[in-house]
Amino acid sequence: MSIRKKYSKEFKLEAISLVVEKKYTRIEAARYLGIHNTMLGRWIKEYQLNNNQAFRGNGKLTSEQLEIRRSKWKK
């Protein structure tokens, strides 16, 4: 069984900036960082969809999720 590696928010954002800002290809950036290009692609997609709330960490809810949870508590 392999151990799953966790990457910090800062690492993910730096990886994304290599592709988005510094114009590396996804494959070049992934090789440089020692990660799989599919993972980098997922990070880019998540960042583009959620921007400010991307990579919140485990258990941290978005504002929409928090509102839904609060509305369920009130019932």
N, C-alpha and C. Protein backbone atom coordinates (compact mmCIF):
# COMPACT_ATOMS: atom_id res chain seq x y z
N MET A 1 0.84 -1.18 0.00
CA MET A 1 0.00 0.00 0.00
C MET A 1 0.89 1.24 0.00
N SER A 2 0.58 2.19 -0.86
CA SER A 2 1.39 3.40 -0.94
C SER A 2 0.85 4.46 0.02
N ILE A 3 1.74 5.33 0.45
CA ILE A 3 1.37 6.42 1.35
C ILE A 3 0.99 7.62 0.49
N ARG A 4 -0.14 8.19 0.79
CA ARG A 4 -0.63 9.34 0.03
C ARG A 4 0.07 10.61 0.52
N LYS A 5 0.68 11.33 -0.40
CA LYS A 5 1.40 12.54 -0.05
C LYS A 5 0.45 13.74 -0.06
N LYS A 6 0.60 14.61 0.90
CA LYS A 6 -0.22 15.82 0.97
C LYS A 6 0.64 17.02 0.60
N TYR A 7 0.06 17.94 -0.15
CA TYR A 7 0.76 19.13 -0.59
C TYR A 7 0.10 20.36 0.03
N SER A 8 0.90 21.32 0.41
CA SER A 8 0.38 22.53 1.04
C SER A 8 -0.32 23.41 0.01
N LYS A 9 -1.14 24.30 0.50
CA LYS A 9 -1.84 25.25 -0.36
C LYS A 9 -0.82 26.10 -1.12
N GLU A 10 0.25 26.49 -0.46
CA GLU A 10 1.27 27.32 -1.08
C GLU A 10 1.95 26.58 -2.23
N PHE A 11 2.24 25.30 -2.03
CA PHE A 11 2.87 24.49 -3.08
C PHE A 11 1.95 24.41 -4.29
N LYS A 12 0.66 24.16 -4.05
CA LYS A 12 -0.29 24.04 -5.14
C LYS A 12 -0.42 25.36 -5.91
N LEU A 13 -0.47 26.47 -5.19
CA LEU A 13 -0.59 27.76 -5.85
C LEU A 13 0.66 28.09 -6.66
N GLU A 14 1.82 27.73 -6.15
CA GLU A 14 3.07 27.95 -6.90
C GLU A 14 3.09 27.09 -8.15
N ALA A 15 2.64 25.85 -8.04
CA ALA A 15 2.57 24.95 -9.19
C ALA A 15 1.64 25.53 -10.26
N ILE A 16 0.51 26.04 -9.84
CA ILE A 16 -0.46 26.63 -10.77
C ILE A 16 0.14 27.85 -11.44
N SER A 17 0.87 28.66 -10.69
CA SER A 17 1.45 29.88 -11.26
C SER A 17 2.49 29.57 -12.33
N LEU A 18 3.18 28.43 -12.21
CA LEU A 18 4.13 28.04 -13.25
C LEU A 18 3.42 27.90 -14.60
N VAL A 19 2.22 27.36 -14.58
CA VAL A 19 1.46 27.13 -15.81
C VAL A 19 0.74 28.40 -16.25
N VAL A 20 0.04 29.03 -15.32
CA VAL A 20 -0.82 30.16 -15.66
C VAL A 20 -0.03 31.43 -15.94
N GLU A 21 0.93 31.74 -15.09
CA GLU A 21 1.65 33.01 -15.20
C GLU A 21 2.97 32.89 -15.95
N LYS A 22 3.70 31.82 -15.71
CA LYS A 22 5.04 31.70 -16.30
C LYS A 22 5.05 30.91 -17.60
N LYS A 23 3.86 30.47 -18.03
CA LYS A 23 3.64 29.84 -19.33
C LYS A 23 4.40 28.53 -19.54
N TYR A 24 4.69 27.80 -18.46
CA TYR A 24 5.19 26.44 -18.60
C TYR A 24 4.03 25.59 -19.12
N THR A 25 4.33 24.51 -19.82
CA THR A 25 3.26 23.57 -20.13
C THR A 25 2.97 22.81 -18.84
N ARG A 26 1.80 22.20 -18.79
CA ARG A 26 1.44 21.43 -17.59
C ARG A 26 2.42 20.29 -17.37
N ILE A 27 2.84 19.64 -18.44
CA ILE A 27 3.78 18.52 -18.33
C ILE A 27 5.14 19.00 -17.85
N GLU A 28 5.63 20.13 -18.38
CA GLU A 28 6.92 20.68 -17.94
C GLU A 28 6.89 21.02 -16.45
N ALA A 29 5.84 21.70 -16.04
CA ALA A 29 5.73 22.11 -14.64
C ALA A 29 5.65 20.89 -13.72
N ALA A 30 4.88 19.89 -14.11
CA ALA A 30 4.74 18.68 -13.30
C ALA A 30 6.07 17.95 -13.17
N ARG A 31 6.78 17.82 -14.25
CA ARG A 31 8.10 17.17 -14.20
C ARG A 31 9.06 17.94 -13.30
N TYR A 32 9.06 19.25 -13.44
CA TYR A 32 9.93 20.10 -12.63
C TYR A 32 9.64 19.93 -11.14
N LEU A 33 8.37 19.79 -10.80
CA LEU A 33 7.96 19.68 -9.40
C LEU A 33 7.95 18.24 -8.88
N GLY A 34 8.06 17.27 -9.80
CA GLY A 34 8.06 15.88 -9.39
C GLY A 34 6.68 15.34 -9.04
N ILE A 35 5.67 15.86 -9.73
CA ILE A 35 4.30 15.40 -9.51
C ILE A 35 3.73 14.94 -10.85
N HIS A 36 2.58 14.28 -10.82
CA HIS A 36 1.94 13.82 -12.05
C HIS A 36 1.16 14.97 -12.68
N ASN A 37 1.21 15.05 -14.01
CA ASN A 37 0.55 16.17 -14.68
C ASN A 37 -0.97 16.15 -14.52
N THR A 38 -1.56 14.98 -14.30
CA THR A 38 -3.00 14.90 -14.07
C THR A 38 -3.38 15.59 -12.76
N MET A 39 -2.54 15.41 -11.74
CA MET A 39 -2.80 16.06 -10.46
C MET A 39 -2.72 17.58 -10.62
N LEU A 40 -1.72 18.05 -11.34
CA LEU A 40 -1.59 19.47 -11.57
C LEU A 40 -2.81 20.00 -12.33
N GLY A 41 -3.29 19.23 -13.28
CA GLY A 41 -4.49 19.63 -14.01
C GLY A 41 -5.70 19.76 -13.11
N ARG A 42 -5.85 18.84 -12.16
CA ARG A 42 -6.97 18.94 -11.19
C ARG A 42 -6.84 20.19 -10.34
N TRP A 43 -5.61 20.48 -9.91
CA TRP A 43 -5.40 21.68 -9.09
C TRP A 43 -5.76 22.93 -9.87
N ILE A 44 -5.36 23.00 -11.13
CA ILE A 44 -5.67 24.17 -11.97
C ILE A 44 -7.17 24.30 -12.13
N LYS A 45 -7.85 23.20 -12.41
CA LYS A 45 -9.30 23.23 -12.58
C LYS A 45 -10.00 23.70 -11.30
N GLU A 46 -9.58 23.16 -10.15
CA GLU A 46 -10.18 23.57 -8.88
C GLU A 46 -9.93 25.05 -8.62
N TYR A 47 -8.75 25.52 -8.90
CA TYR A 47 -8.42 26.93 -8.69
C TYR A 47 -9.29 27.82 -9.58
N GLN A 48 -9.46 27.44 -10.84
CA GLN A 48 -10.26 28.24 -11.76
C GLN A 48 -11.73 28.26 -11.38
N LEU A 49 -12.22 27.15 -10.84
CA LEU A 49 -13.64 27.08 -10.44
C LEU A 49 -13.91 27.80 -9.13
N ASN A 50 -12.96 27.72 -8.18
CA ASN A 50 -13.21 28.22 -6.83
C ASN A 50 -12.34 29.39 -6.42
N ASN A 51 -11.38 29.74 -7.22
CA ASN A 51 -10.42 30.82 -7.00
C ASN A 51 -10.08 31.07 -5.53
N ASN A 52 -10.75 31.99 -4.87
CA ASN A 52 -10.37 32.37 -3.50
C ASN A 52 -10.57 31.26 -2.48
N GLN A 53 -11.46 30.32 -2.77
CA GLN A 53 -11.74 29.28 -1.79
C GLN A 53 -11.14 27.93 -2.18
N ALA A 54 -10.25 27.91 -3.15
CA ALA A 54 -9.60 26.67 -3.55
C ALA A 54 -8.62 26.24 -2.47
N PHE A 55 -8.52 24.95 -2.26
CA PHE A 55 -7.55 24.35 -1.32
C PHE A 55 -7.75 24.83 0.11
N ARG A 56 -8.99 24.77 0.57
CA ARG A 56 -9.31 25.21 1.93
C ARG A 56 -8.77 24.28 2.99
N GLY A 57 -8.61 23.02 2.68
CA GLY A 57 -8.18 22.04 3.67
C GLY A 57 -9.34 21.17 4.09
N ASN A 58 -9.04 20.10 4.78
CA ASN A 58 -10.06 19.16 5.21
C ASN A 58 -11.00 19.76 6.24
N GLY A 59 -12.29 19.62 6.01
CA GLY A 59 -13.28 20.04 6.99
C GLY A 59 -13.64 21.50 6.97
N LYS A 60 -13.00 22.30 6.14
CA LYS A 60 -13.32 23.73 6.08
C LYS A 60 -14.36 23.95 5.00
N LEU A 61 -15.50 24.49 5.39
CA LEU A 61 -16.63 24.64 4.49
C LEU A 61 -16.57 25.95 3.72
N THR A 62 -17.15 25.93 2.52
CA THR A 62 -17.33 27.18 1.78
C THR A 62 -18.47 27.94 2.42
N SER A 63 -18.64 29.19 2.05
CA SER A 63 -19.71 30.00 2.63
C SER A 63 -21.08 29.42 2.27
N GLU A 64 -21.21 28.87 1.04
CA GLU A 64 -22.49 28.26 0.66
C GLU A 64 -22.77 27.01 1.49
N GLN A 65 -21.76 26.18 1.69
CA GLN A 65 -21.94 24.97 2.50
C GLN A 65 -22.30 25.33 3.93
N LEU A 66 -21.70 26.36 4.46
CA LEU A 66 -21.98 26.80 5.82
C LEU A 66 -23.42 27.29 5.95
N GLU A 67 -23.92 28.03 4.96
CA GLU A 67 -25.31 28.50 4.98
C GLU A 67 -26.29 27.34 4.92
N ILE A 68 -25.99 26.34 4.11
CA ILE A 68 -26.86 25.16 4.02
C ILE A 68 -26.90 24.44 5.35
N ARG A 69 -25.76 24.28 5.96
CA ARG A 69 -25.69 23.61 7.26
C ARG A 69 -26.47 24.39 8.32
N ARG A 70 -26.34 25.71 8.32
CA ARG A 70 -27.05 26.53 9.30
C ARG A 70 -28.56 26.44 9.10
N SER A 71 -29.00 26.42 7.83
CA SER A 71 -30.44 26.34 7.57
C SER A 71 -31.00 24.99 8.03
N LYS A 72 -30.22 23.94 7.94
CA LYS A 72 -30.67 22.62 8.42
C LYS A 72 -30.76 22.60 9.94
N TRP A 73 -29.86 23.32 10.62
CA TRP A 73 -29.88 23.36 12.09
C TRP A 73 -31.13 24.06 12.60
N LYS A 74 -31.58 25.08 11.86
CA LYS A 74 -32.72 25.88 12.30
C LYS A 74 -34.05 25.14 12.19
N LYS A 75 -34.10 24.09 11.38
CA LYS A 75 -35.36 23.35 11.19
C LYS A 75 -35.75 22.54 12.36
